[in-house]
């Protein structure tokens, strides 16, 4: 879970932009990444409620390759049968 409370300290018209920056900083700090690539689905989830109301926290899956590039994506969802 990545807490995005710092994004809510920003002005309303910048919150989702700041949330993306918070995810990059969180990933860099915890995964010791040189470069962070955020998946399109994560971006769409953050922007789904507009620029003023991103989610408070988000569950993400992070994976580092051998070059030190970390890819951030949503975890796979469990399909109920």
PDB file of N, CA and C in Angstrom:
ATOM      1  N   UNK A   1       0.839  -1.171   0.000  1.00  0.00           N
ATOM      2  CA  UNK A   1       0.000   0.000   0.000  1.00  0.00           C
ATOM      3  C   UNK A   1       0.892   1.245   0.000  1.00  0.00           C
ATOM      4  N   UNK A   2       0.625   2.120  -0.918  1.00  0.00           N
ATOM      5  CA  UNK A   2       1.362   3.372  -0.999  1.00  0.00           C
ATOM      6  C   UNK A   2       0.454   4.473  -0.457  1.00  0.00           C
ATOM      7  N   UNK A   3       0.836   5.103   0.661  1.00  0.00           N
ATOM      8  CA  UNK A   3      -0.005   6.174   1.195  1.00  0.00           C
ATOM      9  C   UNK A   3       0.174   7.448   0.367  1.00  0.00           C
ATOM     10  N   UNK A   4      -0.928   8.045   0.000  1.00  0.00           N
ATOM     11  CA  UNK A   4      -0.886   9.254  -0.825  1.00  0.00           C
ATOM     12  C   UNK A   4      -1.362  10.483  -0.052  1.00  0.00           C
ATOM     13  N   UNK A   5      -1.233  10.456   1.277  1.00  0.00           N
ATOM     14  CA  UNK A   5      -1.720  11.584   2.071  1.00  0.00           C
ATOM     15  C   UNK A   5      -0.980  12.881   1.774  1.00  0.00           C
ATOM     16  N   UNK A   6       0.279  12.775   1.349  1.00  0.00           N
ATOM     17  CA  UNK A   6       1.038  13.992   1.018  1.00  0.00           C
ATOM     18  C   UNK A   6       0.421  14.731  -0.164  1.00  0.00           C
ATOM     19  N   UNK A   7      -0.277  14.013  -1.030  1.00  0.00           N
ATOM     20  CA  UNK A   7      -0.906  14.654  -2.186  1.00  0.00           C
ATOM     21  C   UNK A   7      -2.032  15.579  -1.733  1.00  0.00           C
ATOM     22  N   UNK A   8      -2.633  15.297  -0.590  1.00  0.00           N
ATOM     23  CA  UNK A   8      -3.745  16.109  -0.110  1.00  0.00           C
ATOM     24  C   UNK A   8      -3.273  17.360   0.623  1.00  0.00           C
ATOM     25  N   UNK A   9      -1.972  17.509   0.815  1.00  0.00           N
ATOM     26  CA  UNK A   9      -1.421  18.748   1.350  1.00  0.00           C
ATOM     27  C   UNK A   9      -1.228  19.774   0.237  1.00  0.00           C
ATOM     28  N   UNK A  10      -1.273  19.317  -1.003  1.00  0.00           N
ATOM     29  CA  UNK A  10      -1.116  20.197  -2.164  1.00  0.00           C
ATOM     30  C   UNK A  10      -2.442  20.906  -2.438  1.00  0.00           C
ATOM     31  N   UNK A  11      -2.407  21.977  -3.211  1.00  0.00           N
ATOM     32  CA  UNK A  11      -3.665  22.622  -3.607  1.00  0.00           C
ATOM     33  C   UNK A  11      -4.548  21.652  -4.382  1.00  0.00           C
ATOM     34  N   UNK A  12      -5.851  21.873  -4.317  1.00  0.00           N
ATOM     35  CA  UNK A  12      -6.809  20.959  -4.943  1.00  0.00           C
ATOM     36  C   UNK A  12      -6.519  20.729  -6.414  1.00  0.00           C
ATOM     37  N   UNK A  13      -6.089  21.757  -7.118  1.00  0.00           N
ATOM     38  CA  UNK A  13      -5.907  21.644  -8.561  1.00  0.00           C
ATOM     39  C   UNK A  13      -4.613  20.939  -8.948  1.00  0.00           C
ATOM     40  N   UNK A  14      -3.863  20.415  -7.972  1.00  0.00           N
ATOM     41  CA  UNK A  14      -2.616  19.700  -8.275  1.00  0.00           C
ATOM     42  C   UNK A  14      -2.543  18.310  -7.650  1.00  0.00           C
ATOM     43  N   UNK A  15      -3.563  17.851  -6.995  1.00  0.00           N
ATOM     44  CA  UNK A  15      -3.457  16.659  -6.152  1.00  0.00           C
ATOM     45  C   UNK A  15      -3.057  15.395  -6.900  1.00  0.00           C
ATOM     46  N   UNK A  16      -3.643  15.132  -8.042  1.00  0.00           N
ATOM     47  CA  UNK A  16      -3.295  13.896  -8.753  1.00  0.00           C
ATOM     48  C   UNK A  16      -1.882  13.968  -9.312  1.00  0.00           C
ATOM     49  N   UNK A  17      -1.459  15.141  -9.761  1.00  0.00           N
ATOM     50  CA  UNK A  17      -0.085  15.291 -10.235  1.00  0.00           C
ATOM     51  C   UNK A  17       0.903  15.007  -9.102  1.00  0.00           C
ATOM     52  N   UNK A  18       0.594  15.509  -7.912  1.00  0.00           N
ATOM     53  CA  UNK A  18       1.459  15.283  -6.760  1.00  0.00           C
ATOM     54  C   UNK A  18       1.421  13.808  -6.358  1.00  0.00           C
ATOM     55  N   UNK A  19       0.270  13.156  -6.491  1.00  0.00           N
ATOM     56  CA  UNK A  19       0.156  11.733  -6.157  1.00  0.00           C
ATOM     57  C   UNK A  19       1.085  10.893  -7.034  1.00  0.00           C
ATOM     58  N   UNK A  20       1.188  11.231  -8.292  1.00  0.00           N
ATOM     59  CA  UNK A  20       2.096  10.510  -9.188  1.00  0.00           C
ATOM     60  C   UNK A  20       3.539  10.727  -8.744  1.00  0.00           C
ATOM     61  N   UNK A  21       3.865  11.937  -8.359  1.00  0.00           N
ATOM     62  CA  UNK A  21       5.212  12.225  -7.868  1.00  0.00           C
ATOM     63  C   UNK A  21       5.492  11.453  -6.577  1.00  0.00           C
ATOM     64  N   UNK A  22       4.492  11.336  -5.694  1.00  0.00           N
ATOM     65  CA  UNK A  22       4.655  10.593  -4.442  1.00  0.00           C
ATOM     66  C   UNK A  22       4.920   9.114  -4.726  1.00  0.00           C
ATOM     67  N   UNK A  23       4.227   8.548  -5.704  1.00  0.00           N
ATOM     68  CA  UNK A  23       4.448   7.147  -6.072  1.00  0.00           C
ATOM     69  C   UNK A  23       5.869   6.951  -6.590  1.00  0.00           C
ATOM     70  N   UNK A  24       6.352   7.876  -7.416  1.00  0.00           N
ATOM     71  CA  UNK A  24       7.728   7.782  -7.921  1.00  0.00           C
ATOM     72  C   UNK A  24       8.744   7.856  -6.781  1.00  0.00           C
ATOM     73  N   UNK A  25       8.547   8.785  -5.843  1.00  0.00           N
ATOM     74  CA  UNK A  25       9.471   8.930  -4.715  1.00  0.00           C
ATOM     75  C   UNK A  25       9.432   7.696  -3.815  1.00  0.00           C
ATOM     76  N   UNK A  26       8.239   7.175  -3.547  1.00  0.00           N
ATOM     77  CA  UNK A  26       8.075   5.978  -2.719  1.00  0.00           C
ATOM     78  C   UNK A  26       8.804   4.797  -3.354  1.00  0.00           C
ATOM     79  N   UNK A  27       8.615   4.612  -4.648  1.00  0.00           N
ATOM     80  CA  UNK A  27       9.243   3.504  -5.361  1.00  0.00           C
ATOM     81  C   UNK A  27      10.760   3.657  -5.376  1.00  0.00           C
ATOM     82  N   UNK A  28      11.243   4.856  -5.618  1.00  0.00           N
ATOM     83  CA  UNK A  28      12.686   5.098  -5.635  1.00  0.00           C
ATOM     84  C   UNK A  28      13.303   4.808  -4.275  1.00  0.00           C
ATOM     85  N   UNK A  29      12.617   5.220  -3.218  1.00  0.00           N
ATOM     86  CA  UNK A  29      13.151   5.033  -1.866  1.00  0.00           C
ATOM     87  C   UNK A  29      13.128   3.556  -1.450  1.00  0.00           C
ATOM     88  N   UNK A  30      12.038   2.861  -1.714  1.00  0.00           N
ATOM     89  CA  UNK A  30      11.899   1.498  -1.224  1.00  0.00           C
ATOM     90  C   UNK A  30      12.533   0.445  -2.122  1.00  0.00           C
ATOM     91  N   UNK A  31      12.598   0.705  -3.408  1.00  0.00           N
ATOM     92  CA  UNK A  31      13.157  -0.276  -4.335  1.00  0.00           C
ATOM     93  C   UNK A  31      14.565   0.101  -4.794  1.00  0.00           C
ATOM     94  N   UNK A  32      15.060   1.249  -4.342  1.00  0.00           N
ATOM     95  CA  UNK A  32      16.388   1.747  -4.720  1.00  0.00           C
ATOM     96  C   UNK A  32      16.542   1.761  -6.240  1.00  0.00           C
ATOM     97  N   UNK A  33      15.576   2.398  -6.877  1.00  0.00           N
ATOM     98  CA  UNK A  33      15.487   2.395  -8.337  1.00  0.00           C
ATOM     99  C   UNK A  33      16.262   3.551  -8.941  1.00  0.00           C
ATOM    100  N   UNK A  34      16.771   3.314 -10.139  1.00  0.00           N
ATOM    101  CA  UNK A  34      17.380   4.382 -10.923  1.00  0.00           C
ATOM    102  C   UNK A  34      16.319   5.059 -11.773  1.00  0.00           C
ATOM    103  N   UNK A  35      15.354   4.281 -12.227  1.00  0.00           N
ATOM    104  CA  UNK A  35      14.289   4.796 -13.079  1.00  0.00           C
ATOM    105  C   UNK A  35      12.995   4.079 -12.708  1.00  0.00           C
ATOM    106  N   UNK A  36      11.875   4.810 -12.749  1.00  0.00           N
ATOM    107  CA  UNK A  36      10.571   4.246 -12.404  1.00  0.00           C
ATOM    108  C   UNK A  36       9.639   4.406 -13.597  1.00  0.00           C
ATOM    109  N   UNK A  37       8.990   3.304 -13.989  1.00  0.00           N
ATOM    110  CA  UNK A  37       8.003   3.340 -15.063  1.00  0.00           C
ATOM    111  C   UNK A  37       6.648   2.969 -14.474  1.00  0.00           C
ATOM    112  N   UNK A  38       5.700   3.891 -14.577  1.00  0.00           N
ATOM    113  CA  UNK A  38       4.360   3.674 -14.047  1.00  0.00           C
ATOM    114  C   UNK A  38       3.466   3.180 -15.171  1.00  0.00           C
ATOM    115  N   UNK A  39       2.752   2.090 -14.904  1.00  0.00           N
ATOM    116  CA  UNK A  39       1.875   1.473 -15.890  1.00  0.00           C
ATOM    117  C   UNK A  39       0.694   2.390 -16.218  1.00  0.00           C
ATOM    118  N   UNK A  40       0.176   2.243 -17.405  1.00  0.00           N
ATOM    119  CA  UNK A  40      -0.944   3.062 -17.869  1.00  0.00           C
ATOM    120  C   UNK A  40      -2.180   2.853 -17.001  1.00  0.00           C
ATOM    121  N   UNK A  41      -2.414   1.625 -16.533  1.00  0.00           N
ATOM    122  CA  UNK A  41      -3.584   1.339 -15.702  1.00  0.00           C
ATOM    123  C   UNK A  41      -3.516   2.064 -14.361  1.00  0.00           C
ATOM    124  N   UNK A  42      -2.323   2.182 -13.783  1.00  0.00           N
ATOM    125  CA  UNK A  42      -2.151   2.921 -12.529  1.00  0.00           C
ATOM    126  C   UNK A  42      -2.483   4.385 -12.762  1.00  0.00           C
ATOM    127  N   UNK A  43      -1.998   4.928 -13.862  1.00  0.00           N
ATOM    128  CA  UNK A  43      -2.264   6.317 -14.207  1.00  0.00           C
ATOM    129  C   UNK A  43      -3.763   6.553 -14.387  1.00  0.00           C
ATOM    130  N   UNK A  44      -4.430   5.645 -15.090  1.00  0.00           N
ATOM    131  CA  UNK A  44      -5.871   5.794 -15.305  1.00  0.00           C
ATOM    132  C   UNK A  44      -6.644   5.695 -13.998  1.00  0.00           C
ATOM    133  N   UNK A  45      -6.209   4.821 -13.082  1.00  0.00           N
ATOM    134  CA  UNK A  45      -6.871   4.706 -11.789  1.00  0.00           C
ATOM    135  C   UNK A  45      -6.727   5.995 -10.980  1.00  0.00           C
ATOM    136  N   UNK A  46      -5.533   6.579 -11.007  1.00  0.00           N
ATOM    137  CA  UNK A  46      -5.327   7.832 -10.273  1.00  0.00           C
ATOM    138  C   UNK A  46      -6.174   8.964 -10.850  1.00  0.00           C
ATOM    139  N   UNK A  47      -6.260   9.043 -12.163  1.00  0.00           N
ATOM    140  CA  UNK A  47      -6.973  10.136 -12.810  1.00  0.00           C
ATOM    141  C   UNK A  47      -8.471   9.870 -12.956  1.00  0.00           C
ATOM    142  N   UNK A  48      -8.956   8.693 -12.567  1.00  0.00           N
ATOM    143  CA  UNK A  48     -10.365   8.337 -12.786  1.00  0.00           C
ATOM    144  C   UNK A  48     -11.331   9.269 -12.059  1.00  0.00           C
ATOM    145  N   UNK A  49     -10.904   9.835 -10.922  1.00  0.00           N
ATOM    146  CA  UNK A  49     -11.779  10.738 -10.177  1.00  0.00           C
ATOM    147  C   UNK A  49     -11.382  12.206 -10.344  1.00  0.00           C
ATOM    148  N   UNK A  50     -10.575  12.475 -11.340  1.00  0.00           N
ATOM    149  CA  UNK A  50     -10.211  13.853 -11.641  1.00  0.00           C
ATOM    150  C   UNK A  50      -8.933  14.288 -10.952  1.00  0.00           C
ATOM    151  N   UNK A  51      -8.586  15.552 -11.162  1.00  0.00           N
ATOM    152  CA  UNK A  51      -7.327  16.082 -10.631  1.00  0.00           C
ATOM    153  C   UNK A  51      -7.429  16.428  -9.148  1.00  0.00           C
ATOM    154  N   UNK A  52      -8.647  16.649  -8.651  1.00  0.00           N
ATOM    155  CA  UNK A  52      -8.794  17.134  -7.277  1.00  0.00           C
ATOM    156  C   UNK A  52      -9.025  16.025  -6.262  1.00  0.00           C
ATOM    157  N   UNK A  53      -9.316  14.802  -6.680  1.00  0.00           N
ATOM    158  CA  UNK A  53      -9.711  13.771  -5.723  1.00  0.00           C
ATOM    159  C   UNK A  53      -9.075  12.412  -6.024  1.00  0.00           C
ATOM    160  N   UNK A  54      -7.744  12.287  -5.923  1.00  0.00           N
ATOM    161  CA  UNK A  54      -7.127  10.974  -6.126  1.00  0.00           C
ATOM    162  C   UNK A  54      -7.422  10.070  -4.932  1.00  0.00           C
ATOM    163  N   UNK A  55      -7.197   8.762  -5.045  1.00  0.00           N
ATOM    164  CA  UNK A  55      -7.412   7.877  -3.897  1.00  0.00           C
ATOM    165  C   UNK A  55      -6.442   8.203  -2.758  1.00  0.00           C
ATOM    166  N   UNK A  56      -6.826   7.879  -1.523  1.00  0.00           N
ATOM    167  CA  UNK A  56      -5.981   8.149  -0.355  1.00  0.00           C
ATOM    168  C   UNK A  56      -4.781   7.222  -0.276  1.00  0.00           C
ATOM    169  N   UNK A  57      -4.960   5.994  -0.712  1.00  0.00           N
ATOM    170  CA  UNK A  57      -3.856   5.027  -0.777  1.00  0.00           C
ATOM    171  C   UNK A  57      -4.161   4.057  -1.907  1.00  0.00           C
ATOM    172  N   UNK A  58      -3.122   3.409  -2.389  1.00  0.00           N
ATOM    173  CA  UNK A  58      -3.272   2.532  -3.545  1.00  0.00           C
ATOM    174  C   UNK A  58      -2.354   1.330  -3.364  1.00  0.00           C
ATOM    175  N   UNK A  59      -2.853   0.170  -3.719  1.00  0.00           N
ATOM    176  CA  UNK A  59      -2.058  -1.049  -3.639  1.00  0.00           C
ATOM    177  C   UNK A  59      -1.385  -1.259  -4.990  1.00  0.00           C
ATOM    178  N   UNK A  60      -0.066  -1.407  -4.971  1.00  0.00           N
ATOM    179  CA  UNK A  60       0.706  -1.539  -6.202  1.00  0.00           C
ATOM    180  C   UNK A  60       1.636  -2.739  -6.130  1.00  0.00           C
ATOM    181  N   UNK A  61       2.053  -3.189  -7.299  1.00  0.00           N
ATOM    182  CA  UNK A  61       3.038  -4.246  -7.425  1.00  0.00           C
ATOM    183  C   UNK A  61       4.247  -3.648  -8.131  1.00  0.00           C
ATOM    184  N   UNK A  62       5.431  -3.830  -7.539  1.00  0.00           N
ATOM    185  CA  UNK A  62       6.653  -3.253  -8.100  1.00  0.00           C
ATOM    186  C   UNK A  62       7.620  -4.372  -8.448  1.00  0.00           C
ATOM    187  N   UNK A  63       8.264  -4.223  -9.605  1.00  0.00           N
ATOM    188  CA  UNK A  63       9.213  -5.242 -10.057  1.00  0.00           C
ATOM    189  C   UNK A  63      10.424  -4.551 -10.681  1.00  0.00           C
ATOM    190  N   UNK A  64      11.615  -4.957 -10.247  1.00  0.00           N
ATOM    191  CA  UNK A  64      12.851  -4.373 -10.765  1.00  0.00           C
ATOM    192  C   UNK A  64      13.513  -5.346 -11.724  1.00  0.00           C
ATOM    193  N   UNK A  65      13.972  -4.816 -12.857  1.00  0.00           N
ATOM    194  CA  UNK A  65      14.722  -5.665 -13.786  1.00  0.00           C
ATOM    195  C   UNK A  65      16.215  -5.512 -13.517  1.00  0.00           C
ATOM    196  N   UNK A  66      17.031  -6.195 -14.295  1.00  0.00           N
ATOM    197  CA  UNK A  66      18.478  -6.198 -14.029  1.00  0.00           C
ATOM    198  C   UNK A  66      19.160  -4.862 -14.303  1.00  0.00           C
ATOM    199  N   UNK A  67      18.508  -3.960 -15.044  1.00  0.00           N
ATOM    200  CA  UNK A  67      19.084  -2.641 -15.320  1.00  0.00           C
ATOM    201  C   UNK A  67      18.765  -1.625 -14.236  1.00  0.00           C
ATOM    202  N   UNK A  68      17.993  -2.010 -13.222  1.00  0.00           N
ATOM    203  CA  UNK A  68      17.621  -1.095 -12.153  1.00  0.00           C
ATOM    204  C   UNK A  68      16.371  -0.299 -12.450  1.00  0.00           C
ATOM    205  N   UNK A  69      15.645  -0.666 -13.495  1.00  0.00           N
ATOM    206  CA  UNK A  69      14.401   0.013 -13.845  1.00  0.00           C
ATOM    207  C   UNK A  69      13.260  -0.717 -13.142  1.00  0.00           C
ATOM    208  N   UNK A  70      12.457   0.040 -12.399  1.00  0.00           N
ATOM    209  CA  UNK A  70      11.338  -0.543 -11.662  1.00  0.00           C
ATOM    210  C   UNK A  70      10.046  -0.231 -12.399  1.00  0.00           C
ATOM    211  N   UNK A  71       9.255  -1.275 -12.639  1.00  0.00           N
ATOM    212  CA  UNK A  71       7.946  -1.072 -13.253  1.00  0.00           C
ATOM    213  C   UNK A  71       6.887  -1.197 -12.162  1.00  0.00           C
ATOM    214  N   UNK A  72       5.966  -0.255 -12.153  1.00  0.00           N
ATOM    215  CA  UNK A  72       4.904  -0.191 -11.156  1.00  0.00           C
ATOM    216  C   UNK A  72       3.594  -0.491 -11.859  1.00  0.00           C
ATOM    217  N   UNK A  73       2.850  -1.464 -11.315  1.00  0.00           N
ATOM    218  CA  UNK A  73       1.565  -1.807 -11.909  1.00  0.00           C
ATOM    219  C   UNK A  73       0.599  -2.223 -10.808  1.00  0.00           C
ATOM    220  N   UNK A  74      -0.662  -2.372 -11.189  1.00  0.00           N
ATOM    221  CA  UNK A  74      -1.670  -2.832 -10.257  1.00  0.00           C
ATOM    222  C   UNK A  74      -1.510  -4.336 -10.048  1.00  0.00           C
ATOM    223  N   UNK A  75      -1.787  -4.840  -8.827  1.00  0.00           N
ATOM    224  CA  UNK A  75      -1.700  -6.288  -8.619  1.00  0.00           C
ATOM    225  C   UNK A  75      -2.834  -6.988  -9.365  1.00  0.00           C
ATOM    226  N   UNK A  76      -2.614  -8.248  -9.740  1.00  0.00           N
ATOM    227  CA  UNK A  76      -3.692  -8.979 -10.414  1.00  0.00           C
ATOM    228  C   UNK A  76      -4.871  -9.166  -9.469  1.00  0.00           C
ATOM    229  N   UNK A  77      -6.074  -9.038 -10.003  1.00  0.00           N
ATOM    230  CA  UNK A  77      -7.262  -9.186  -9.184  1.00  0.00           C
ATOM    231  C   UNK A  77      -7.704 -10.645  -9.177  1.00  0.00           C
ATOM    232  N   UNK A  78      -8.285 -11.053  -8.066  1.00  0.00           N
ATOM    233  CA  UNK A  78      -8.795 -12.407  -7.929  1.00  0.00           C
ATOM    234  C   UNK A  78     -10.167 -12.471  -8.600  1.00  0.00           C
ATOM    235  N   UNK A  79     -10.322 -13.348  -9.557  1.00  0.00           N
ATOM    236  CA  UNK A  79     -11.606 -13.545 -10.237  1.00  0.00           C
ATOM    237  C   UNK A  79     -12.406 -14.562  -9.463  1.00  0.00           C
ATOM    238  N   UNK A  80     -13.607 -14.191  -9.030  1.00  0.00           N
ATOM    239  CA  UNK A  80     -14.468 -15.138  -8.324  1.00  0.00           C
ATOM    240  C   UNK A  80     -15.228 -15.985  -9.318  1.00  0.00           C
ATOM    241  N   UNK A  81     -15.333 -17.289  -9.037  1.00  0.00           N
ATOM    242  CA  UNK A  81     -16.010 -18.178  -9.984  1.00  0.00           C
ATOM    243  C   UNK A  81     -17.343 -18.658  -9.454  1.00  0.00           C
TER     244      UNK A  81
END
